[in-house]
Amino acid sequence: MTPFEHDIIDLHIALENWLGKGEGDTNALLARFSPDFLMIPPGGVPLDYQALANFLESQRGSRPGLKILIDELTTLQTWDNGAVLHYRETQTRPDQPVNVRWSSAILNQEGDNLTWRLLHETAAP
């Protein structure tokens, strides 16, 4: 498994803890994202870094029992300081419908530091 693939999994563990348990450090979580980060969620309304920061702050601990499973993780392309990856994310919570999405992400690397530059999610039927 590449460092980029590890980061996909590690970030989702951090998000599961943040959203599901309210655990984690805001600065450490946000440091995973580039200042020019852009996310296109399933609803189609883009979120930049500041919108993501606002979302995470307002949603801390808001999804008790959240579990996130990442599978079908594939590295589509790599270059000297980055990669494009594709994966399936399945979110479950007690007494809630299962939420499945396919995601493509661009991650960049500077030294040992990996940051997310772009995340595009599509809801699975």
N, C-alpha and C. Protein backbone atom coordinates (compact mmCIF):
# COMPACT_ATOMS: atom_id res chain seq x y z
N MET A 1 0.85 -1.18 0.00
CA MET A 1 0.00 0.00 0.00
C MET A 1 0.90 1.25 0.00
N THR A 2 0.55 2.21 -0.87
CA THR A 2 1.35 3.42 -0.98
C THR A 2 1.03 4.39 0.16
N PRO A 3 1.89 5.38 0.39
CA PRO A 3 1.58 6.41 1.40
C PRO A 3 0.28 7.15 1.08
N PHE A 4 -0.02 7.34 -0.19
CA PHE A 4 -1.27 8.01 -0.57
C PHE A 4 -2.48 7.16 -0.18
N GLU A 5 -2.40 5.86 -0.44
CA GLU A 5 -3.50 4.96 -0.06
C GLU A 5 -3.66 4.92 1.46
N HIS A 6 -2.55 4.89 2.18
CA HIS A 6 -2.61 4.93 3.65
C HIS A 6 -3.31 6.20 4.12
N ASP A 7 -3.01 7.32 3.45
CA ASP A 7 -3.60 8.59 3.87
C ASP A 7 -5.10 8.61 3.65
N ILE A 8 -5.57 8.00 2.57
CA ILE A 8 -7.02 7.91 2.35
C ILE A 8 -7.67 7.21 3.55
N ILE A 9 -7.11 6.09 3.96
CA ILE A 9 -7.67 5.34 5.08
C ILE A 9 -7.53 6.12 6.38
N ASP A 10 -6.33 6.67 6.63
CA ASP A 10 -6.09 7.41 7.87
C ASP A 10 -7.01 8.62 8.01
N LEU A 11 -7.23 9.35 6.92
CA LEU A 11 -8.13 10.50 6.99
C LEU A 11 -9.55 10.07 7.36
N HIS A 12 -10.01 8.98 6.78
CA HIS A 12 -11.38 8.55 7.06
C HIS A 12 -11.53 8.02 8.49
N ILE A 13 -10.48 7.47 9.04
CA ILE A 13 -10.50 7.11 10.47
C ILE A 13 -10.62 8.38 11.31
N ALA A 14 -9.85 9.40 10.95
CA ALA A 14 -9.92 10.67 11.68
C ALA A 14 -11.31 11.30 11.54
N LEU A 15 -11.90 11.24 10.34
CA LEU A 15 -13.25 11.79 10.15
C LEU A 15 -14.29 10.99 10.92
N GLU A 16 -14.15 9.68 10.94
CA GLU A 16 -15.07 8.85 11.72
C GLU A 16 -15.01 9.24 13.20
N ASN A 17 -13.81 9.43 13.72
CA ASN A 17 -13.65 9.84 15.12
C ASN A 17 -14.19 11.24 15.36
N TRP A 18 -13.94 12.15 14.43
CA TRP A 18 -14.38 13.54 14.57
C TRP A 18 -15.90 13.65 14.52
N LEU A 19 -16.48 13.10 13.46
CA LEU A 19 -17.92 13.22 13.27
C LEU A 19 -18.71 12.30 14.19
N GLY A 20 -18.19 11.10 14.43
CA GLY A 20 -18.94 10.11 15.21
C GLY A 20 -18.77 10.22 16.71
N LYS A 21 -17.58 10.62 17.15
CA LYS A 21 -17.27 10.65 18.58
C LYS A 21 -16.90 12.04 19.10
N GLY A 22 -16.68 12.98 18.19
CA GLY A 22 -16.24 14.31 18.60
C GLY A 22 -14.80 14.32 19.07
N GLU A 23 -14.01 13.35 18.62
CA GLU A 23 -12.62 13.22 19.06
C GLU A 23 -11.67 13.68 17.96
N GLY A 24 -10.60 14.33 18.38
CA GLY A 24 -9.55 14.76 17.45
C GLY A 24 -9.22 16.22 17.65
N ASP A 25 -8.18 16.63 16.95
CA ASP A 25 -7.68 18.00 17.02
C ASP A 25 -8.02 18.73 15.73
N THR A 26 -8.69 19.86 15.85
CA THR A 26 -9.10 20.63 14.67
C THR A 26 -7.93 20.95 13.76
N ASN A 27 -6.85 21.46 14.34
CA ASN A 27 -5.70 21.87 13.54
C ASN A 27 -5.06 20.68 12.83
N ALA A 28 -4.95 19.55 13.51
CA ALA A 28 -4.36 18.36 12.90
C ALA A 28 -5.24 17.86 11.74
N LEU A 29 -6.54 17.91 11.93
CA LEU A 29 -7.46 17.46 10.88
C LEU A 29 -7.38 18.40 9.67
N LEU A 30 -7.42 19.68 9.90
CA LEU A 30 -7.39 20.64 8.78
C LEU A 30 -6.04 20.68 8.09
N ALA A 31 -4.97 20.33 8.80
CA ALA A 31 -3.63 20.31 8.19
C ALA A 31 -3.53 19.27 7.08
N ARG A 32 -4.46 18.34 7.02
CA ARG A 32 -4.46 17.31 5.97
C ARG A 32 -4.91 17.87 4.63
N PHE A 33 -5.47 19.08 4.62
CA PHE A 33 -6.03 19.67 3.42
C PHE A 33 -5.22 20.88 2.96
N SER A 34 -5.02 20.98 1.67
CA SER A 34 -4.32 22.10 1.07
C SER A 34 -5.15 23.37 1.26
N PRO A 35 -4.50 24.53 1.42
CA PRO A 35 -5.27 25.78 1.51
C PRO A 35 -6.14 26.04 0.28
N ASP A 36 -5.77 25.46 -0.88
CA ASP A 36 -6.59 25.61 -2.09
C ASP A 36 -7.44 24.36 -2.36
N PHE A 37 -7.76 23.63 -1.29
CA PHE A 37 -8.59 22.42 -1.37
C PHE A 37 -9.95 22.76 -1.99
N LEU A 38 -10.46 21.82 -2.78
CA LEU A 38 -11.80 21.92 -3.34
C LEU A 38 -12.46 20.55 -3.26
N MET A 39 -13.70 20.54 -2.80
CA MET A 39 -14.47 19.31 -2.69
C MET A 39 -15.79 19.50 -3.43
N ILE A 40 -16.14 18.49 -4.23
CA ILE A 40 -17.45 18.45 -4.87
C ILE A 40 -18.19 17.27 -4.24
N PRO A 41 -19.09 17.54 -3.29
CA PRO A 41 -19.84 16.45 -2.65
C PRO A 41 -20.96 15.95 -3.57
N PRO A 42 -21.64 14.88 -3.17
CA PRO A 42 -22.69 14.33 -4.02
C PRO A 42 -23.78 15.33 -4.42
N GLY A 43 -24.05 16.31 -3.57
CA GLY A 43 -25.06 17.31 -3.89
C GLY A 43 -24.63 18.31 -4.95
N GLY A 44 -23.32 18.35 -5.25
CA GLY A 44 -22.82 19.18 -6.34
C GLY A 44 -22.41 20.60 -5.97
N VAL A 45 -22.63 21.02 -4.73
CA VAL A 45 -22.25 22.38 -4.33
C VAL A 45 -20.80 22.35 -3.83
N PRO A 46 -19.88 23.02 -4.54
CA PRO A 46 -18.46 22.97 -4.16
C PRO A 46 -18.19 23.54 -2.77
N LEU A 47 -17.22 22.91 -2.10
CA LEU A 47 -16.74 23.40 -0.80
C LEU A 47 -15.25 23.69 -0.92
N ASP A 48 -14.85 24.90 -0.55
CA ASP A 48 -13.43 25.21 -0.51
C ASP A 48 -12.90 24.92 0.90
N TYR A 49 -11.65 25.25 1.12
CA TYR A 49 -11.01 24.95 2.41
C TYR A 49 -11.79 25.58 3.58
N GLN A 50 -12.16 26.86 3.44
CA GLN A 50 -12.86 27.53 4.55
C GLN A 50 -14.23 26.92 4.78
N ALA A 51 -14.94 26.57 3.74
CA ALA A 51 -16.25 25.92 3.89
C ALA A 51 -16.09 24.56 4.55
N LEU A 52 -15.02 23.83 4.20
CA LEU A 52 -14.76 22.55 4.85
C LEU A 52 -14.46 22.76 6.33
N ALA A 53 -13.63 23.75 6.65
CA ALA A 53 -13.31 24.04 8.05
C ALA A 53 -14.57 24.37 8.83
N ASN A 54 -15.45 25.18 8.27
CA ASN A 54 -16.71 25.53 8.92
C ASN A 54 -17.59 24.30 9.12
N PHE A 55 -17.67 23.47 8.09
CA PHE A 55 -18.46 22.24 8.17
C PHE A 55 -17.95 21.35 9.29
N LEU A 56 -16.64 21.10 9.30
CA LEU A 56 -16.08 20.21 10.31
C LEU A 56 -16.30 20.75 11.72
N GLU A 57 -16.11 22.04 11.90
CA GLU A 57 -16.31 22.63 13.23
C GLU A 57 -17.76 22.48 13.69
N SER A 58 -18.70 22.71 12.78
CA SER A 58 -20.11 22.65 13.16
C SER A 58 -20.63 21.22 13.31
N GLN A 59 -19.94 20.24 12.72
CA GLN A 59 -20.43 18.86 12.72
C GLN A 59 -19.69 17.95 13.69
N ARG A 60 -18.82 18.48 14.50
CA ARG A 60 -18.06 17.66 15.45
C ARG A 60 -19.01 16.88 16.35
N GLY A 61 -18.87 15.55 16.34
CA GLY A 61 -19.68 14.68 17.18
C GLY A 61 -21.14 14.58 16.79
N SER A 62 -21.50 15.04 15.61
CA SER A 62 -22.91 15.12 15.20
C SER A 62 -23.48 13.80 14.67
N ARG A 63 -22.63 12.79 14.49
CA ARG A 63 -23.09 11.53 13.90
C ARG A 63 -22.71 10.35 14.78
N PRO A 64 -23.34 10.24 15.94
CA PRO A 64 -22.98 9.16 16.87
C PRO A 64 -23.06 7.79 16.22
N GLY A 65 -22.04 6.98 16.50
CA GLY A 65 -22.01 5.62 15.97
C GLY A 65 -21.55 5.51 14.54
N LEU A 66 -21.09 6.60 13.95
CA LEU A 66 -20.64 6.58 12.55
C LEU A 66 -19.50 5.59 12.36
N LYS A 67 -19.61 4.78 11.33
CA LYS A 67 -18.55 3.89 10.88
C LYS A 67 -18.32 4.17 9.40
N ILE A 68 -17.06 4.27 9.01
CA ILE A 68 -16.70 4.51 7.61
C ILE A 68 -15.81 3.39 7.14
N LEU A 69 -16.21 2.74 6.07
CA LEU A 69 -15.43 1.68 5.45
C LEU A 69 -14.95 2.17 4.09
N ILE A 70 -13.64 2.03 3.86
CA ILE A 70 -13.05 2.35 2.57
C ILE A 70 -12.65 1.04 1.90
N ASP A 71 -13.10 0.84 0.66
CA ASP A 71 -12.67 -0.33 -0.10
C ASP A 71 -12.57 0.06 -1.57
N GLU A 72 -12.22 -0.91 -2.40
CA GLU A 72 -12.03 -0.66 -3.84
C GLU A 72 -11.04 0.49 -4.06
N LEU A 73 -10.07 0.63 -3.17
CA LEU A 73 -9.08 1.70 -3.23
C LEU A 73 -8.04 1.41 -4.31
N THR A 74 -7.93 2.34 -5.27
CA THR A 74 -7.03 2.18 -6.40
C THR A 74 -6.28 3.47 -6.65
N THR A 75 -4.99 3.35 -6.91
CA THR A 75 -4.20 4.50 -7.35
C THR A 75 -4.26 4.52 -8.87
N LEU A 76 -4.83 5.59 -9.42
CA LEU A 76 -4.99 5.70 -10.87
C LEU A 76 -3.77 6.27 -11.56
N GLN A 77 -3.08 7.19 -10.90
CA GLN A 77 -1.94 7.87 -11.50
C GLN A 77 -1.06 8.43 -10.40
N THR A 78 0.24 8.35 -10.58
CA THR A 78 1.18 8.99 -9.66
C THR A 78 2.16 9.84 -10.44
N TRP A 79 2.77 10.79 -9.79
CA TRP A 79 3.86 11.60 -10.32
C TRP A 79 4.78 11.93 -9.16
N ASP A 80 5.82 12.70 -9.40
CA ASP A 80 6.85 12.91 -8.39
C ASP A 80 6.31 13.35 -7.03
N ASN A 81 5.30 14.21 -7.02
CA ASN A 81 4.82 14.72 -5.74
C ASN A 81 3.30 14.61 -5.59
N GLY A 82 2.70 13.57 -6.16
CA GLY A 82 1.26 13.45 -6.00
C GLY A 82 0.67 12.20 -6.63
N ALA A 83 -0.64 12.09 -6.47
CA ALA A 83 -1.35 10.93 -7.01
C ALA A 83 -2.84 11.24 -7.14
N VAL A 84 -3.48 10.51 -8.03
CA VAL A 84 -4.93 10.49 -8.17
C VAL A 84 -5.38 9.11 -7.72
N LEU A 85 -6.34 9.09 -6.81
CA LEU A 85 -6.85 7.82 -6.27
C LEU A 85 -8.36 7.76 -6.42
N HIS A 86 -8.87 6.55 -6.41
CA HIS A 86 -10.31 6.30 -6.55
C HIS A 86 -10.69 5.25 -5.51
N TYR A 87 -11.84 5.44 -4.85
CA TYR A 87 -12.25 4.49 -3.82
C TYR A 87 -13.75 4.57 -3.57
N ARG A 88 -14.24 3.54 -2.88
CA ARG A 88 -15.63 3.51 -2.45
C ARG A 88 -15.66 3.74 -0.94
N GLU A 89 -16.56 4.60 -0.52
CA GLU A 89 -16.73 4.91 0.90
C GLU A 89 -18.15 4.51 1.32
N THR A 90 -18.24 3.71 2.37
CA THR A 90 -19.54 3.30 2.89
C THR A 90 -19.65 3.81 4.32
N GLN A 91 -20.67 4.64 4.56
CA GLN A 91 -20.92 5.18 5.89
C GLN A 91 -22.16 4.51 6.47
N THR A 92 -22.03 4.05 7.71
CA THR A 92 -23.18 3.48 8.41
C THR A 92 -23.31 4.15 9.77
N ARG A 93 -24.56 4.26 10.23
CA ARG A 93 -24.89 4.75 11.57
C ARG A 93 -26.10 3.97 12.06
N PRO A 94 -26.18 3.78 13.35
CA PRO A 94 -27.35 3.07 13.88
C PRO A 94 -28.66 3.75 13.46
N ASP A 95 -29.59 2.95 13.01
CA ASP A 95 -30.93 3.41 12.64
C ASP A 95 -30.95 4.46 11.53
N GLN A 96 -29.92 4.45 10.68
CA GLN A 96 -29.85 5.38 9.55
C GLN A 96 -29.61 4.59 8.27
N PRO A 97 -30.05 5.12 7.12
CA PRO A 97 -29.76 4.44 5.86
C PRO A 97 -28.25 4.40 5.60
N VAL A 98 -27.81 3.37 4.92
CA VAL A 98 -26.40 3.26 4.53
C VAL A 98 -26.13 4.29 3.44
N ASN A 99 -25.00 4.97 3.55
CA ASN A 99 -24.60 6.00 2.60
C ASN A 99 -23.34 5.51 1.88
N VAL A 100 -23.46 5.31 0.57
CA VAL A 100 -22.32 4.81 -0.22
C VAL A 100 -22.00 5.84 -1.30
N ARG A 101 -20.71 6.11 -1.46
CA ARG A 101 -20.28 7.04 -2.50
C ARG A 101 -18.97 6.57 -3.11
N TRP A 102 -18.78 6.92 -4.35
CA TRP A 102 -17.51 6.71 -5.04
C TRP A 102 -16.78 8.04 -5.04
N SER A 103 -15.49 8.00 -4.77
CA SER A 103 -14.72 9.23 -4.68
C SER A 103 -13.43 9.14 -5.49
N SER A 104 -13.07 10.28 -6.05
CA SER A 104 -11.76 10.45 -6.69
C SER A 104 -11.07 11.59 -5.96
N ALA A 105 -9.79 11.40 -5.66
CA ALA A 105 -9.05 12.40 -4.89
C ALA A 105 -7.68 12.63 -5.50
N ILE A 106 -7.25 13.89 -5.43
CA ILE A 106 -5.89 14.25 -5.79
C ILE A 106 -5.18 14.64 -4.50
N LEU A 107 -4.07 13.95 -4.23
CA LEU A 107 -3.25 14.24 -3.06
C LEU A 107 -1.88 14.70 -3.53
N ASN A 108 -1.32 15.66 -2.83
CA ASN A 108 0.02 16.17 -3.12
C ASN A 108 0.95 15.86 -1.97
N GLN A 109 2.23 15.78 -2.26
CA GLN A 109 3.23 15.48 -1.25
C GLN A 109 4.34 16.53 -1.29
N GLU A 110 4.66 17.07 -0.11
CA GLU A 110 5.80 17.95 0.07
C GLU A 110 6.61 17.38 1.21
N GLY A 111 7.77 16.81 0.91
CA GLY A 111 8.54 16.11 1.93
C GLY A 111 7.75 14.91 2.42
N ASP A 112 7.57 14.80 3.73
CA ASP A 112 6.78 13.72 4.31
C ASP A 112 5.30 14.09 4.45
N ASN A 113 4.94 15.30 4.11
CA ASN A 113 3.59 15.81 4.32
C ASN A 113 2.71 15.57 3.10
N LEU A 114 1.57 14.92 3.30
CA LEU A 114 0.58 14.72 2.25
C LEU A 114 -0.61 15.64 2.51
N THR A 115 -1.11 16.27 1.46
CA THR A 115 -2.30 17.10 1.59
C THR A 115 -3.29 16.76 0.48
N TRP A 116 -4.55 16.92 0.81
CA TRP A 116 -5.64 16.71 -0.13
C TRP A 116 -5.85 18.00 -0.91
N ARG A 117 -5.83 17.90 -2.23
CA ARG A 117 -6.04 19.07 -3.10
C ARG A 117 -7.45 19.10 -3.68
N LEU A 118 -7.97 17.92 -4.06
CA LEU A 118 -9.29 17.84 -4.68
C LEU A 118 -9.96 16.54 -4.27
N LEU A 119 -11.25 16.62 -3.96
CA LEU A 119 -12.07 15.45 -3.68
C LEU A 119 -13.38 15.60 -4.43
N HIS A 120 -13.68 14.60 -5.25
CA HIS A 120 -14.95 14.61 -5.99
C HIS A 120 -15.71 13.34 -5.63
N GLU A 121 -16.92 13.52 -5.09
CA GLU A 121 -17.72 12.38 -4.62
C GLU A 121 -18.99 12.25 -5.46
N THR A 122 -19.37 11.00 -5.70
CA THR A 122 -20.60 10.70 -6.42
C THR A 122 -21.37 9.65 -5.63
N ALA A 123 -22.63 9.92 -5.35
CA ALA A 123 -23.46 8.99 -4.60
C ALA A 123 -23.66 7.71 -5.40
N ALA A 124 -23.56 6.58 -4.73
CA ALA A 124 -23.82 5.29 -5.37
C ALA A 124 -25.30 4.97 -5.22
N PRO A 125 -25.87 4.32 -6.22
CA PRO A 125 -27.31 3.99 -6.12
C PRO A 125 -27.58 2.99 -5.01
